[in-house]
Amino acid sequence: MAGITRFEDIEAWKTARQLTNAVYDHTNQQGFSRDFGLPVNSPAVFLP
């Protein structure tokens, strides 16, 4: 039985990587980013 020697061997990581790439590809299209005005350069957390 082969063990996991690298995190890249984990199936969940591989699937998450594919999902991340698909989301990035779709949101990187000109129409999507223009229509939704994604705040790419703004911070994720608002600190008053």
N, C-alpha and C. Protein backbone atom coordinates (compact mmCIF):
# COMPACT_ATOMS: atom_id res chain seq x y z
N MET A 1 0.85 -1.18 0.00
CA MET A 1 0.00 0.00 0.00
C MET A 1 0.89 1.24 0.00
N ALA A 2 0.67 2.10 -0.96
CA ALA A 2 1.47 3.32 -1.08
C ALA A 2 0.89 4.41 -0.19
N GLY A 3 1.76 5.08 0.51
CA GLY A 3 1.34 6.17 1.36
C GLY A 3 1.45 7.50 0.63
N ILE A 4 1.01 8.53 1.28
CA ILE A 4 1.12 9.87 0.72
C ILE A 4 2.48 10.43 1.12
N THR A 5 3.25 10.77 0.12
CA THR A 5 4.58 11.34 0.40
C THR A 5 4.62 12.84 0.12
N ARG A 6 3.66 13.31 -0.68
CA ARG A 6 3.57 14.74 -0.99
C ARG A 6 2.10 15.14 -0.96
N PHE A 7 1.83 16.40 -0.64
CA PHE A 7 0.44 16.82 -0.61
C PHE A 7 -0.19 16.77 -1.99
N GLU A 8 0.62 16.84 -3.05
CA GLU A 8 0.10 16.75 -4.40
C GLU A 8 -0.48 15.37 -4.72
N ASP A 9 -0.19 14.37 -3.89
CA ASP A 9 -0.70 13.02 -4.08
C ASP A 9 -2.14 12.86 -3.58
N ILE A 10 -2.63 13.81 -2.81
CA ILE A 10 -3.97 13.72 -2.22
C ILE A 10 -5.01 14.06 -3.28
N GLU A 11 -5.97 13.16 -3.48
CA GLU A 11 -7.00 13.35 -4.52
C GLU A 11 -7.80 14.63 -4.29
N ALA A 12 -8.12 14.93 -3.04
CA ALA A 12 -8.88 16.15 -2.75
C ALA A 12 -8.10 17.39 -3.18
N TRP A 13 -6.79 17.37 -3.00
CA TRP A 13 -5.96 18.50 -3.42
C TRP A 13 -5.99 18.64 -4.94
N LYS A 14 -5.90 17.53 -5.65
CA LYS A 14 -5.93 17.56 -7.11
C LYS A 14 -7.25 18.14 -7.62
N THR A 15 -8.35 17.69 -7.00
CA THR A 15 -9.67 18.17 -7.41
C THR A 15 -9.82 19.66 -7.10
N ALA A 16 -9.37 20.07 -5.93
CA ALA A 16 -9.45 21.48 -5.55
C ALA A 16 -8.61 22.34 -6.50
N ARG A 17 -7.48 21.84 -6.91
CA ARG A 17 -6.62 22.57 -7.85
C ARG A 17 -7.32 22.75 -9.20
N GLN A 18 -7.99 21.70 -9.67
CA GLN A 18 -8.73 21.79 -10.93
C GLN A 18 -9.88 22.80 -10.81
N LEU A 19 -10.59 22.76 -9.69
CA LEU A 19 -11.69 23.69 -9.47
C LEU A 19 -11.17 25.13 -9.42
N THR A 20 -10.08 25.35 -8.72
CA THR A 20 -9.49 26.68 -8.63
C THR A 20 -9.12 27.20 -10.00
N ASN A 21 -8.50 26.36 -10.81
CA ASN A 21 -8.12 26.77 -12.15
C ASN A 21 -9.34 27.08 -13.01
N ALA A 22 -10.40 26.29 -12.88
CA ALA A 22 -11.62 26.53 -13.66
C ALA A 22 -12.27 27.85 -13.25
N VAL A 23 -12.34 28.11 -11.95
CA VAL A 23 -12.92 29.37 -11.47
C VAL A 23 -12.09 30.55 -11.96
N TYR A 24 -10.78 30.43 -11.87
CA TYR A 24 -9.90 31.51 -12.33
C TYR A 24 -10.09 31.75 -13.82
N ASP A 25 -10.17 30.70 -14.61
CA ASP A 25 -10.34 30.85 -16.06
C ASP A 25 -11.66 31.57 -16.38
N HIS A 26 -12.73 31.20 -15.68
CA HIS A 26 -14.03 31.81 -15.95
C HIS A 26 -14.09 33.26 -15.48
N THR A 27 -13.53 33.56 -14.33
CA THR A 27 -13.60 34.92 -13.80
C THR A 27 -12.58 35.84 -14.46
N ASN A 28 -11.63 35.27 -15.16
CA ASN A 28 -10.61 36.08 -15.82
C ASN A 28 -11.09 36.58 -17.18
N GLN A 29 -12.25 36.10 -17.63
CA GLN A 29 -12.79 36.55 -18.91
C GLN A 29 -13.25 38.00 -18.77
N GLN A 30 -13.07 38.76 -19.84
CA GLN A 30 -13.35 40.18 -19.80
C GLN A 30 -14.80 40.49 -19.40
N GLY A 31 -15.75 39.80 -19.95
CA GLY A 31 -17.15 40.07 -19.65
C GLY A 31 -17.51 39.87 -18.20
N PHE A 32 -16.99 38.83 -17.60
CA PHE A 32 -17.32 38.52 -16.20
C PHE A 32 -16.78 39.59 -15.26
N SER A 33 -15.53 39.92 -15.39
CA SER A 33 -14.92 40.89 -14.48
C SER A 33 -15.52 42.28 -14.68
N ARG A 34 -15.93 42.60 -15.91
CA ARG A 34 -16.54 43.90 -16.18
C ARG A 34 -17.95 43.94 -15.59
N ASP A 35 -18.72 42.88 -15.78
CA ASP A 35 -20.11 42.87 -15.32
C ASP A 35 -20.23 42.89 -13.80
N PHE A 36 -19.37 42.19 -13.13
CA PHE A 36 -19.50 42.07 -11.69
C PHE A 36 -18.57 42.99 -10.92
N GLY A 37 -17.65 43.65 -11.60
CA GLY A 37 -16.75 44.58 -10.94
C GLY A 37 -16.01 43.95 -9.78
N LEU A 38 -15.36 42.84 -10.03
CA LEU A 38 -14.66 42.13 -8.95
C LEU A 38 -13.56 43.00 -8.35
N PRO A 39 -13.56 43.16 -7.04
CA PRO A 39 -12.53 43.98 -6.38
C PRO A 39 -11.23 43.21 -6.20
N VAL A 40 -10.50 43.04 -7.27
CA VAL A 40 -9.30 42.20 -7.24
C VAL A 40 -8.23 42.80 -6.34
N ASN A 41 -8.10 44.10 -6.33
CA ASN A 41 -7.01 44.73 -5.58
C ASN A 41 -7.43 45.24 -4.20
N SER A 42 -8.65 44.96 -3.77
CA SER A 42 -9.08 45.42 -2.47
C SER A 42 -8.85 44.32 -1.43
N PRO A 43 -8.68 44.71 -0.17
CA PRO A 43 -8.44 43.69 0.86
C PRO A 43 -9.67 42.83 1.10
N ALA A 44 -9.45 41.60 1.50
CA ALA A 44 -10.54 40.67 1.75
C ALA A 44 -11.27 40.99 3.06
N VAL A 45 -10.59 41.65 3.97
CA VAL A 45 -11.17 41.96 5.28
C VAL A 45 -11.12 43.46 5.48
N PHE A 46 -12.23 44.03 5.89
CA PHE A 46 -12.28 45.46 6.17
C PHE A 46 -11.84 45.71 7.60
N LEU A 47 -10.84 46.52 7.76
CA LEU A 47 -10.37 46.89 9.10
C LEU A 47 -10.67 48.37 9.33
N PRO A 48 -11.56 48.68 10.28
CA PRO A 48 -11.92 50.09 10.52
C PRO A 48 -10.77 50.86 11.14
